[in-house]
């Protein structure tokens, strides 16, 4: 048995452990009673500790070194590279610290679930401080092992090869473009058309979401839809779990939450089955993952044609008159600064991400004390969008990420938005009738294109090279800006 084959066997076991961890997270977010939090934290910490022990065993490095000289094909060579990357991240951090951070994140997340609706940052400040302190330790250790800044060492976990210096250039460009563009858009907006009013029963909203998921290509033999406090996509490629949250007075957040998470799920379901439990078979980083959700949500399904397809579906589900596709489009695509990231329009959304990127960098560097986070958040909102959150629920408590230890994740959202615009632009050139397909509710041509260009590539290529092969160029913010001008100024 070659060293490479030994590594394949090891990483298959690690994949199974990681998938079990993922389902425990899904259960914790969707259905677990509050009283299960402490034991769930222990379970997650044990699984993560076991995975860490397996990956960092002395034999692993020997196998990695020997496998470099073995006869491997293109996919196997890429798989070996991903294996080494996983090993470098894991071997840098002591096992006890991995377990301690896992327990701290689980405990903090459960307290956040109570603090957020109560708008009580003080309630979660201490456990968040513990998560932050441990995350800083991990960042510093990985910084030395990987030769990166502490923040970039965290970013690399979510965006392989991503560097904050490059992101800062992209975000500075967007930050310079958006304020003037936002004012142009706001000055041209007319009054919003009147839409039918609720209530919109949750059961009917869910039925509509399920129908759209099926139409988009979601395989219900290998996935399901549930509810949670924060919409997300989890599970495994063979059992994808997505969630949304419902508001009986406004059906749009849940509907587009479902569409967004279905974009994630389609990526997972489209990954190559023959590499299912190997690192090269995973999705290629979170900017690509976010591009798949935003391509469906913001590119395909925020188009005028999609709303013309949607209007009769809404009339059939909710009844009543006034379901006009053009009115739906005009009302839904209105731009206005808002406190909540997940409800933001695509013009103001990048400001939400830039804010979080800057704040989490400052937190990791120690330039921002945790006690000053709420006021720093509110000041950044005033500077970037001209609005001030009235409470912490609509401010620094709104997202789960930091409370679950996910520092370095946020920039991938706007990188994903830019990537989505570039991929959709290329798909439209390859499929000249794409707009007509979407207006008719036919997603199969778009999904087939994504299967070939993105999903089936898994982690064979870097994010930049995958995008270059799919679109002919690396990430280009001008394509995203051109998309915004076409949609909001024409």
Foldseek 3Di string as FASTA:
>chain_A
DALLVVVLVLLLVLLVLVLVLQVLVVCVFFPDDLVCLQVSLVVNLVSQLVSLCSLQPPVNVVSLVRCVPDDDDLLSVLLSVLSVVVSLLSNLDDSVLSSQLSSLLSVLLSQLVVCLVVLNCVSNLVSLVVNLVSLLVSLVSSCVSVVHHSQVSLLCVFAPPDDVVVLVVVLVVLLVPQPVVVVLLVVPADDADDADWWQADPVLLVVLLVVLLVLLPNDVQQEDEGAGPPWAWTHALRYIYTYAHDDRGDSPLRNLSSLLRSLLNLLRVLFDPVCRSTQLSAAQGLLQSLLSSCLRRPVLCLDLLLLQLCQVVCCVRVNDDDSHSNSCSSNQQRAADDLALSSHHPSLNSLVLVLLLVVLVCSSVVVDDSVCVQVSQQVSCCVRHNDGDPGCSSTVSVDSQSSSSSRSNRSSNVSSLLLNLQLVVLLCVVVVCVSVCSSNSRNVSVSVLCSVQGSHSGNSDRQQVSSCVRRVGGRDVVSSVVVCCVSRVD
